Amino acid sequence: MEPLVSIKPFLAVMVSLLAVVPILLLRSWPNLREAVTFLAGFVKWGLVLSMLGPVLDGMQIEYTAAEVLPGLPIRLRVDALGMLFALVASTLWIVTSAYSVGYMRSLKEHSQTRYFVFFSVALSATIGVAFAANLFTLYLFYELLSLATYPLVTHHQNQEAKRSGRKYLTYILGTSIGLVLPGMLMVFSLSGTLDFQPGGILNEQFSKGLIGLLLFMFVFGFAKAGLMPFHAWLPAAMVAPTPVSALLHAVAVVKVGVFSILRIVTGVFGMDLLGTFNLGQGLAYIAAVTIVVASLVALTQDGLKRRLAFSTIGQLAYIILGAAMLSPKALTGGMVHIAMHAFGKITLFFCAGAIFVATGKKNVSEMVGIGRRMPITMGAFLVGALAVIGLPPTGGFISKWYLVLGSMEAGQSLMLGVLLFSSLLNAGYFLPVFYRAFFCTPEEALFENQVKEAPAWCLVPLVGTAGVSILLFFYPQPFFGLAQLAVP
């Protein structure tokens, strides 16, 4: 079926980029500035939704923006996998923008206009990655996202922020320029194209060693995915304001990393080629080690955001593990986990930020009895935790269920054990936080019974994302349907 040619994908990418100008011009009028952010968010969301129906019907939507060099166009294509990611990103941008208003204003943060400007640029880059029709286009938007998120990571402009920002760029740009760029040149030299195709663009005429080298150049080159040992940038980025952490760890940066690897596995190499050369097994081992080690480290972290950061490293590896097992059910579970983890993890980061706004506390050890003061926030925290652990009644259960089914389908008993053991570790570093928040003696409690939640701009978004996590358990569409369509 020929793709439907439409300018809508291009407009969906550009709308938040175009919003940068009015946001800058309205810097002296914060309410109008934020109104532009919300307007751009809803327009972007509407454009993405307008393309959902045709994609669910099996169609693809395409638009070529420019032909940079012969065979290297900047081309956008909306398919099932891209739609899944774009729908998550565009939806959560609106929610995160609302949360940002409450967080940034409550703490009287400086440079709020700069913050919203780069927030908008980051979302344009994210949608560009989601809709990239070829590796060249994906690479351009991937790098744009790296540059756009650097000012967000270093927002506080202190020595710690600058040091973390240098680490962030060293890992993210160093790997993409040092590994992805030469890998892309090698693929173009071998195949004559960089267009993503369902069965891949490489074949068995090339040696196993060459294909394996290229695969791991891309896997480690897309360091936003946080696979060990290229993960240290992610905990370091926790110096950023909490809405930025939520953006980095639930929506944009890390999900762009794993999304790029999914594109590479399915659209450049192809599941059959990786199966023929048994390369999926090596990738599965890397993902499994990352899952277990990150979960064990998370158990030791007292800082709530750092605990969430190491949790994110492990959860991203679930998605890569789903692709590495080369099983349709496992790949479906990995793709669905993009959405299920996003809503659960962003809820947890929102809760961490709300706690900081209301109490100034950052460490888990300082939150004993906090449920008596912030019952709504900690109730939402429990929902987010259940989603990340993979327990009902949250959508995280569905994605991890399919990962488990996929491991059995592929005959991967070791990976099945990793999935089950890591879920226990997930419970070990999340559930005690909730338990100590509510179930402690009056002598242990560090907070009085007086209820004092964070401002509504912080509270409503976290309640909303927690509600969606529960809704996705009962109705996982359209994400589940898009994932099924995206599996080759």
Protein backbone atom coordinates (compact mmCIF):
# COMPACT_ATOMS: atom_id res chain seq x y z
CA MET A 1 0.00 0.00 0.00
CA GLU A 2 1.40 3.38 -1.02
CA PRO A 3 1.90 5.87 1.82
CA LEU A 4 -0.51 8.76 2.08
CA VAL A 5 1.35 12.01 1.38
CA SER A 6 0.43 14.75 3.88
CA ILE A 7 2.09 17.74 5.50
CA LYS A 8 0.62 16.80 8.90
CA PRO A 9 3.75 14.99 10.19
CA PHE A 10 5.86 18.04 9.35
CA LEU A 11 3.39 20.37 11.08
CA ALA A 12 3.34 18.09 14.15
CA VAL A 13 7.11 18.44 14.38
CA MET A 14 7.19 22.18 13.72
CA VAL A 15 4.36 23.48 15.88
CA SER A 16 6.29 23.52 19.16
CA LEU A 17 9.38 24.86 17.37
CA LEU A 18 7.34 27.75 16.01
CA ALA A 19 6.01 28.42 19.51
CA VAL A 20 9.52 29.44 20.58
CA VAL A 21 9.16 32.94 19.06
CA PRO A 22 5.98 33.99 20.91
CA ILE A 23 7.25 32.39 24.13
CA LEU A 24 10.34 34.61 23.90
CA LEU A 25 8.36 37.71 23.01
CA LEU A 26 5.95 37.18 25.91
CA ARG A 27 8.65 36.64 28.56
CA SER A 28 7.39 39.66 30.54
CA TRP A 29 3.85 38.23 30.65
CA PRO A 30 4.13 34.75 32.21
CA ASN A 31 0.45 33.87 31.89
CA LEU A 32 0.46 34.59 28.15
CA ARG A 33 3.80 32.80 27.75
CA GLU A 34 2.40 29.66 29.34
CA ALA A 35 -0.81 30.04 27.30
CA VAL A 36 1.29 29.78 24.13
CA THR A 37 2.96 26.63 25.49
CA PHE A 38 -0.43 25.03 26.13
CA LEU A 39 -1.81 26.15 22.76
CA ALA A 40 1.16 24.61 20.95
CA GLY A 41 0.80 21.46 23.03
CA PHE A 42 -2.86 20.99 22.18
CA VAL A 43 -2.29 21.77 18.48
CA LYS A 44 0.53 19.19 18.36
CA TRP A 45 -1.64 16.65 20.19
CA GLY A 46 -4.54 17.32 17.81
CA LEU A 47 -2.32 16.83 14.75
CA VAL A 48 -1.03 13.52 16.12
CA LEU A 49 -4.56 12.35 16.94
CA SER A 50 -5.77 13.30 13.44
CA MET A 51 -3.33 10.74 12.00
CA LEU A 52 -4.20 7.95 14.45
CA GLY A 53 -7.22 6.61 12.54
CA PRO A 54 -5.43 6.00 9.22
CA VAL A 55 -2.47 4.39 11.01
CA LEU A 56 -4.78 2.02 12.92
CA ASP A 57 -6.29 1.13 9.53
CA GLY A 58 -2.84 0.02 8.38
CA MET A 59 -1.89 3.10 6.39
CA GLN A 60 1.33 5.13 6.57
CA ILE A 61 1.57 8.91 6.20
CA GLU A 62 4.66 10.42 4.61
CA TYR A 63 6.17 13.83 3.93
CA THR A 64 9.57 14.76 2.48
CA ALA A 65 10.84 18.05 3.87
CA ALA A 66 14.08 18.32 1.89
CA GLU A 67 16.61 16.33 -0.14
CA VAL A 68 19.92 17.18 1.52
CA LEU A 69 22.01 14.91 -0.70
CA PRO A 70 21.09 12.25 -3.27
CA GLY A 71 19.66 9.35 -1.27
CA LEU A 72 19.62 11.35 1.98
CA PRO A 73 16.24 13.07 2.34
CA ILE A 74 14.83 14.56 5.52
CA ARG A 75 11.68 12.47 5.35
CA LEU A 76 8.94 11.86 7.89
CA ARG A 77 6.76 8.76 7.93
CA VAL A 78 4.00 7.99 10.43
CA ASP A 79 3.62 4.27 11.09
CA ALA A 80 2.33 2.27 14.05
CA LEU A 81 5.51 2.37 16.15
CA GLY A 82 6.09 6.06 15.48
CA MET A 83 2.46 6.84 16.29
CA LEU A 84 2.68 4.96 19.60
CA PHE A 85 5.68 7.03 20.70
CA ALA A 86 4.35 10.33 19.35
CA LEU A 87 1.02 9.84 21.09
CA VAL A 88 2.75 9.27 24.42
CA ALA A 89 5.09 12.24 23.98
CA SER A 90 2.46 14.73 22.77
CA THR A 91 0.02 13.76 25.53
CA LEU A 92 2.54 13.97 28.33
CA TRP A 93 3.97 17.28 27.06
CA ILE A 94 0.66 18.94 27.94
CA VAL A 95 0.60 17.31 31.37
CA THR A 96 4.25 18.14 32.08
CA SER A 97 3.71 21.76 30.99
CA ALA A 98 0.88 22.10 33.52
CA TYR A 99 3.05 20.55 36.22
CA SER A 100 5.93 22.87 35.27
CA VAL A 101 3.81 25.94 35.91
CA GLY A 102 3.06 24.83 39.47
CA TYR A 103 6.60 23.66 40.19
CA MET A 104 8.58 26.55 38.68
CA ARG A 105 6.35 29.27 40.08
CA SER A 106 6.04 27.73 43.55
CA LEU A 107 9.83 27.59 43.86
CA LYS A 108 10.26 30.96 42.11
CA GLU A 109 12.78 29.41 39.71
CA HIS A 110 14.89 31.74 37.58
CA SER A 111 14.99 31.79 33.74
CA GLN A 112 11.52 30.32 33.31
CA THR A 113 11.24 31.66 29.74
CA ARG A 114 14.44 29.86 28.75
CA TYR A 115 13.07 26.73 30.39
CA PHE A 116 9.84 26.76 28.35
CA VAL A 117 11.73 27.61 25.13
CA PHE A 118 14.01 24.61 25.32
CA PHE A 119 11.15 22.45 26.54
CA SER A 120 9.36 23.24 23.27
CA VAL A 121 12.43 22.57 21.13
CA ALA A 122 12.93 19.22 22.89
CA LEU A 123 9.38 18.14 22.06
CA SER A 124 9.83 19.07 18.40
CA ALA A 125 12.95 16.91 18.29
CA THR A 126 11.14 14.05 20.03
CA ILE A 127 8.30 14.01 17.51
CA GLY A 128 10.89 14.26 14.73
CA VAL A 129 12.54 11.08 15.99
CA ALA A 130 9.16 9.36 16.29
CA PHE A 131 8.22 10.15 12.70
CA ALA A 132 11.67 9.71 11.09
CA ALA A 133 11.41 7.64 7.92
CA ASN A 134 15.13 6.93 7.71
CA LEU A 135 18.22 6.75 9.86
CA PHE A 136 19.53 10.08 8.57
CA THR A 137 16.42 11.98 9.69
CA LEU A 138 16.38 10.15 13.02
CA TYR A 139 20.02 11.06 13.63
CA LEU A 140 19.43 14.76 12.96
CA PHE A 141 16.53 15.00 15.41
CA TYR A 142 18.36 12.81 17.94
CA GLU A 143 21.24 15.29 18.01
CA LEU A 144 18.86 18.26 18.15
CA LEU A 145 17.28 16.72 21.24
CA SER A 146 20.70 16.35 22.89
CA LEU A 147 21.47 20.03 22.37
CA ALA A 148 17.99 21.20 23.37
CA THR A 149 18.00 19.31 26.67
CA TYR A 150 21.47 20.47 27.77
CA PRO A 151 20.18 23.90 28.97
CA LEU A 152 17.40 22.08 30.84
CA VAL A 153 19.84 19.76 32.62
CA THR A 154 22.07 22.72 33.58
CA HIS A 155 19.12 24.98 34.47
CA HIS A 156 20.36 25.84 37.99
CA GLN A 157 23.71 27.07 36.58
CA ASN A 158 25.67 26.05 39.69
CA GLN A 159 28.87 24.00 39.70
CA GLU A 160 27.03 20.70 40.18
CA ALA A 161 24.70 21.46 37.28
CA LYS A 162 27.57 22.44 34.99
CA ARG A 163 29.54 19.31 35.93
CA SER A 164 26.49 17.12 35.30
CA GLY A 165 25.85 18.91 32.02
CA ARG A 166 29.37 18.14 30.82
CA LYS A 167 28.89 14.48 31.69
CA TYR A 168 25.52 14.52 29.93
CA LEU A 169 26.94 15.87 26.67
CA THR A 170 30.08 13.70 26.87
CA TYR A 171 28.01 10.52 27.03
CA ILE A 172 25.17 11.53 24.71
CA LEU A 173 27.08 13.38 22.00
CA GLY A 174 30.30 11.40 22.35
CA THR A 175 28.59 8.07 21.67
CA SER A 176 26.32 9.33 18.88
CA ILE A 177 29.18 11.01 17.00
CA GLY A 178 31.73 8.29 17.77
CA LEU A 179 29.50 5.25 17.13
CA VAL A 180 26.18 6.07 15.44
CA LEU A 181 27.59 8.42 12.78
CA PRO A 182 30.24 5.99 11.47
CA GLY A 183 27.73 3.15 11.80
CA MET A 184 25.28 5.10 9.66
CA LEU A 185 27.96 5.73 7.02
CA MET A 186 28.82 2.02 6.97
CA VAL A 187 25.17 1.01 6.54
CA PHE A 188 24.73 3.48 3.67
CA SER A 189 27.89 2.17 2.02
CA LEU A 190 26.74 -1.45 2.34
CA SER A 191 23.08 -1.06 1.39
CA GLY A 192 22.85 2.18 -0.58
CA THR A 193 19.95 3.41 1.56
CA LEU A 194 19.10 4.49 5.10
CA ASP A 195 15.32 4.06 4.76
CA PHE A 196 13.72 1.96 7.48
CA GLN A 197 12.09 -1.16 6.02
CA PRO A 198 10.02 -3.83 7.84
CA GLY A 199 12.46 -6.65 7.08
CA GLY A 200 15.58 -4.52 7.45
CA ILE A 201 17.95 -3.19 4.80
CA LEU A 202 20.89 -5.52 5.54
CA ASN A 203 21.04 -9.19 4.61
CA GLU A 204 22.96 -12.43 5.07
CA GLN A 205 25.54 -11.64 2.37
CA PHE A 206 27.46 -9.70 5.00
CA SER A 207 29.48 -11.51 7.67
CA LYS A 208 28.23 -12.14 11.19
CA GLY A 209 31.17 -10.18 12.57
CA LEU A 210 30.32 -7.09 10.54
CA ILE A 211 26.62 -7.24 11.35
CA GLY A 212 27.41 -7.77 15.03
CA LEU A 213 29.82 -4.83 15.07
CA LEU A 214 27.23 -2.55 13.46
CA LEU A 215 24.49 -3.69 15.84
CA PHE A 216 26.48 -2.90 18.97
CA MET A 217 27.77 0.38 17.54
CA PHE A 218 24.14 1.49 17.30
CA VAL A 219 23.02 -0.06 20.59
CA PHE A 220 25.74 1.69 22.59
CA GLY A 221 25.82 4.73 20.31
CA PHE A 222 22.23 5.57 21.21
CA ALA A 223 23.33 6.11 24.83
CA LYS A 224 20.08 7.87 25.70
CA ALA A 225 18.77 4.31 26.18
CA GLY A 226 20.90 4.08 29.33
CA LEU A 227 22.34 0.60 28.76
CA MET A 228 25.29 -0.17 31.00
CA PRO A 229 28.09 0.87 30.89
CA PHE A 230 26.85 4.04 29.11
CA HIS A 231 24.34 4.96 31.82
CA ALA A 232 26.18 7.34 34.19
CA TRP A 233 24.77 10.46 32.52
CA LEU A 234 21.28 9.55 33.65
CA PRO A 235 21.68 9.77 37.47
CA ALA A 236 23.88 12.85 36.95
CA ALA A 237 21.03 14.60 35.11
CA MET A 238 18.99 14.51 38.32
CA VAL A 239 20.36 17.94 39.23
CA ALA A 240 17.75 19.37 36.84
CA PRO A 241 14.35 20.63 38.08
CA THR A 242 11.89 17.78 38.62
CA PRO A 243 9.74 18.55 35.53
CA VAL A 244 12.91 18.21 33.46
CA SER A 245 13.68 14.90 35.17
CA ALA A 246 10.17 13.75 34.34
CA LEU A 247 10.67 14.82 30.72
CA LEU A 248 14.07 13.10 30.52
CA HIS A 249 13.12 9.86 32.24
CA ALA A 250 9.55 9.25 31.16
CA VAL A 251 8.92 10.96 27.84
CA ALA A 252 11.65 12.43 25.69
CA VAL A 253 15.32 11.62 26.11
CA VAL A 254 15.42 8.04 27.40
CA LYS A 255 12.47 6.92 25.30
CA VAL A 256 14.11 8.40 22.22
CA GLY A 257 17.08 6.17 23.02
CA VAL A 258 15.13 2.92 23.26
CA PHE A 259 12.86 3.93 20.37
CA SER A 260 15.93 4.44 18.18
CA ILE A 261 17.21 0.98 19.09
CA LEU A 262 13.80 -0.53 18.27
CA ARG A 263 13.94 1.20 14.89
CA ILE A 264 17.43 -0.14 14.26
CA VAL A 265 16.54 -3.70 15.27
CA THR A 266 13.33 -3.85 13.21
CA GLY A 267 14.05 -1.44 10.35
CA VAL A 268 17.79 -1.72 9.63
CA PHE A 269 18.80 -5.27 10.67
CA GLY A 270 15.46 -7.09 10.75
CA MET A 271 14.44 -9.80 13.20
CA ASP A 272 15.26 -12.64 10.76
CA LEU A 273 18.85 -11.51 10.19
CA LEU A 274 19.52 -11.13 13.92
CA GLY A 275 18.00 -14.56 14.51
CA THR A 276 20.09 -16.14 11.76
CA PHE A 277 23.31 -14.82 13.28
CA ASN A 278 22.07 -15.34 16.88
CA LEU A 279 22.90 -11.73 17.73
CA GLY A 280 19.75 -11.19 19.76
CA GLN A 281 21.18 -13.36 22.53
CA GLY A 282 24.14 -11.05 23.13
CA LEU A 283 21.87 -8.01 23.23
CA ALA A 284 19.57 -9.85 25.65
CA TYR A 285 22.47 -10.52 28.04
CA ILE A 286 23.45 -6.83 28.05
CA ALA A 287 19.85 -5.82 28.75
CA ALA A 288 19.48 -8.45 31.48
CA VAL A 289 22.64 -7.33 33.29
CA THR A 290 21.47 -3.72 33.09
CA ILE A 291 18.06 -4.65 34.53
CA VAL A 292 19.44 -6.54 37.52
CA VAL A 293 22.37 -4.25 38.37
CA ALA A 294 20.32 -1.05 38.05
CA SER A 295 17.60 -2.54 40.29
CA LEU A 296 20.16 -3.55 42.93
CA VAL A 297 21.72 -0.08 42.89
CA ALA A 298 18.26 1.52 43.19
CA LEU A 299 17.76 -0.40 46.45
CA THR A 300 20.69 1.48 47.99
CA GLN A 301 19.68 5.03 47.01
CA ASP A 302 18.29 7.34 49.69
CA GLY A 303 17.69 10.25 47.31
CA LEU A 304 14.23 9.69 45.82
CA LYS A 305 15.10 11.09 42.39
CA ARG A 306 18.29 9.00 42.21
CA ARG A 307 16.28 5.92 43.14
CA LEU A 308 13.88 6.76 40.32
CA ALA A 309 16.83 7.35 37.96
CA PHE A 310 18.32 3.89 38.51
CA SER A 311 14.83 2.43 38.24
CA THR A 312 14.54 4.09 34.83
CA ILE A 313 17.81 2.51 33.66
CA GLY A 314 16.41 -0.92 34.47
CA GLN A 315 12.99 -0.24 32.96
CA LEU A 316 14.49 0.96 29.67
CA ALA A 317 16.40 -2.31 29.44
CA TYR A 318 13.07 -4.19 29.61
CA ILE A 319 12.13 -2.57 26.30
CA ILE A 320 15.44 -3.55 24.70
CA LEU A 321 15.15 -7.05 26.14
CA GLY A 322 11.74 -7.35 24.48
CA ALA A 323 13.36 -6.68 21.10
CA ALA A 324 16.42 -8.83 21.80
CA MET A 325 14.41 -12.00 22.45
CA LEU A 326 13.20 -11.84 18.80
CA SER A 327 9.74 -13.05 19.81
CA PRO A 328 6.57 -11.33 18.56
CA LYS A 329 5.01 -11.33 22.03
CA ALA A 330 8.19 -10.03 23.68
CA LEU A 331 8.54 -7.29 21.06
CA THR A 332 4.88 -6.35 21.60
CA GLY A 333 5.51 -6.15 25.35
CA GLY A 334 8.61 -4.02 24.86
CA MET A 335 6.78 -1.57 22.59
CA VAL A 336 3.77 -1.31 24.91
CA HIS A 337 6.15 -0.72 27.83
CA ILE A 338 7.14 2.59 26.19
CA ALA A 339 3.66 3.88 27.07
CA MET A 340 3.01 1.98 30.29
CA HIS A 341 6.32 2.93 31.86
CA ALA A 342 5.95 6.55 30.70
CA PHE A 343 2.70 7.12 32.60
CA GLY A 344 3.88 5.26 35.69
CA LYS A 345 7.34 6.84 35.90
CA ILE A 346 6.16 10.38 35.19
CA THR A 347 3.68 9.95 38.06
CA LEU A 348 6.54 9.02 40.38
CA PHE A 349 8.65 12.01 39.33
CA PHE A 350 5.67 14.31 39.71
CA CYS A 351 5.21 12.95 43.23
CA ALA A 352 8.88 13.52 44.04
CA GLY A 353 8.59 17.11 42.85
CA ALA A 354 5.35 17.71 44.75
CA ILE A 355 6.99 16.45 47.95
CA PHE A 356 9.92 18.83 47.40
CA VAL A 357 7.63 21.78 46.70
CA ALA A 358 5.50 21.10 49.79
CA THR A 359 8.20 20.03 52.26
CA GLY A 360 11.65 20.64 50.79
CA LYS A 361 12.52 16.96 51.33
CA LYS A 362 14.48 14.93 48.78
CA ASN A 363 15.53 11.79 50.66
CA VAL A 364 13.44 8.69 51.32
CA SER A 365 14.69 8.59 54.93
CA GLU A 366 13.15 12.03 55.50
CA MET A 367 9.67 10.97 54.32
CA VAL A 368 8.56 8.73 57.19
CA GLY A 369 4.92 9.54 57.90
CA ILE A 370 4.56 11.90 54.94
CA GLY A 371 1.42 10.07 53.85
CA ARG A 372 -0.42 11.73 56.74
CA ARG A 373 0.42 15.14 55.32
CA MET A 374 0.22 14.34 51.60
CA PRO A 375 -2.21 11.42 51.23
CA ILE A 376 -3.21 12.19 47.64
CA THR A 377 0.40 12.48 46.47
CA MET A 378 1.46 9.27 48.18
CA GLY A 379 -1.63 7.44 46.90
CA ALA A 380 -0.60 8.44 43.37
CA PHE A 381 2.95 7.32 44.21
CA LEU A 382 1.62 3.85 44.98
CA VAL A 383 -0.16 3.70 41.62
CA GLY A 384 2.99 4.80 39.78
CA ALA A 385 5.04 2.24 41.70
CA LEU A 386 2.62 -0.57 40.83
CA ALA A 387 2.82 0.44 37.15
CA VAL A 388 6.61 0.26 37.15
CA ILE A 389 6.67 -3.01 39.13
CA GLY A 390 4.11 -4.44 36.68
CA LEU A 391 1.24 -5.22 39.03
CA PRO A 392 -2.51 -4.82 38.50
CA PRO A 393 -4.56 -2.73 38.34
CA THR A 394 -2.10 -0.70 36.23
CA GLY A 395 -1.07 -0.80 32.59
CA GLY A 396 2.44 -1.90 33.54
CA PHE A 397 1.03 -5.36 34.20
CA ILE A 398 0.08 -5.76 30.53
CA SER A 399 3.49 -4.87 29.11
CA LYS A 400 5.36 -7.09 31.58
CA TRP A 401 2.85 -9.91 31.04
CA TYR A 402 3.68 -9.89 27.34
CA LEU A 403 7.40 -9.74 28.08
CA VAL A 404 7.00 -12.85 30.24
CA LEU A 405 4.93 -14.59 27.56
CA GLY A 406 7.53 -13.61 24.98
CA SER A 407 10.37 -15.07 27.03
CA MET A 408 8.48 -18.37 27.17
CA GLU A 409 7.64 -18.16 23.46
CA ALA A 410 11.34 -17.73 22.69
CA GLY A 411 12.39 -20.48 25.10
CA GLN A 412 14.41 -17.97 27.13
CA SER A 413 14.11 -19.41 30.64
CA LEU A 414 17.03 -17.32 31.91
CA MET A 415 15.37 -14.10 30.73
CA LEU A 416 12.11 -15.25 32.31
CA GLY A 417 13.99 -15.55 35.60
CA VAL A 418 15.49 -12.07 35.13
CA LEU A 419 12.05 -10.57 34.52
CA LEU A 420 10.53 -12.16 37.62
CA PHE A 421 13.52 -11.49 39.90
CA SER A 422 13.79 -7.87 38.80
CA SER A 423 10.08 -7.31 39.48
CA LEU A 424 10.73 -8.40 43.07
CA LEU A 425 13.61 -5.91 43.22
CA ASN A 426 11.30 -3.20 41.83
CA ALA A 427 8.87 -3.91 44.65
CA GLY A 428 11.78 -3.85 47.11
CA TYR A 429 12.81 -0.29 46.31
CA PHE A 430 9.33 1.23 45.85
CA LEU A 431 6.85 -0.36 48.26
CA PRO A 432 8.81 0.43 51.46
CA VAL A 433 8.59 4.13 50.56
CA PHE A 434 4.81 3.92 50.52
CA TYR A 435 4.67 1.68 53.61
CA ARG A 436 6.78 4.04 55.74
CA ALA A 437 4.77 7.02 54.49
CA PHE A 438 1.58 5.67 56.09
CA PHE A 439 2.41 2.78 58.40
CA CYS A 440 4.66 4.15 61.11
CA THR A 441 4.27 4.86 64.80
CA PRO A 442 3.58 8.43 65.98
CA GLU A 443 7.09 8.49 67.42
CA GLU A 444 8.65 7.57 64.06
CA ALA A 445 6.60 10.02 62.00
CA LEU A 446 8.48 13.11 60.81
CA PHE A 447 5.27 14.90 59.82
CA GLU A 448 2.14 15.90 61.68
CA ASN A 449 -1.33 14.75 60.67
CA GLN A 450 -2.17 18.14 59.17
CA VAL A 451 -2.90 17.67 55.44
CA LYS A 452 -0.95 20.10 53.27
CA GLU A 453 -0.54 19.00 49.66
CA ALA A 454 1.45 20.76 46.93
CA PRO A 455 -0.34 23.45 44.85
CA ALA A 456 -3.08 22.29 42.47
CA TRP A 457 -0.87 22.85 39.39
CA CYS A 458 1.43 20.15 40.82
CA LEU A 459 -1.27 17.92 42.29
CA VAL A 460 -3.73 17.62 39.41
CA PRO A 461 -1.19 16.35 36.81
CA LEU A 462 0.07 13.56 39.07
CA VAL A 463 -3.47 12.46 39.89
CA GLY A 464 -4.24 12.50 36.16
CA THR A 465 -1.26 10.38 35.13
CA ALA A 466 -1.94 7.94 37.97
CA GLY A 467 -5.54 7.67 36.76
CA VAL A 468 -4.38 6.96 33.21
CA SER A 469 -2.07 4.20 34.51
CA ILE A 470 -5.10 2.49 36.04
CA LEU A 471 -7.25 3.13 32.95
CA LEU A 472 -4.64 1.47 30.73
CA PHE A 473 -5.03 -1.77 32.68
CA PHE A 474 -8.69 -2.01 31.69
CA TYR A 475 -8.36 -0.36 28.28
CA PRO A 476 -4.79 -0.46 26.90
CA GLN A 477 -5.82 0.96 23.54
CA PRO A 478 -4.67 2.49 21.29
CA PHE A 479 -1.14 1.67 22.50
CA PHE A 480 -1.59 -2.10 22.50
CA GLY A 481 -3.17 -2.11 19.04
CA LEU A 482 -0.38 0.08 17.66
CA ALA A 483 2.25 -2.25 19.14
CA GLN A 484 0.63 -5.28 17.52
CA LEU A 485 0.57 -3.48 14.18
CA ALA A 486 4.22 -2.50 14.55
CA VAL A 487 5.51 -6.06 15.12
CA PRO A 488 6.95 -7.30 11.79
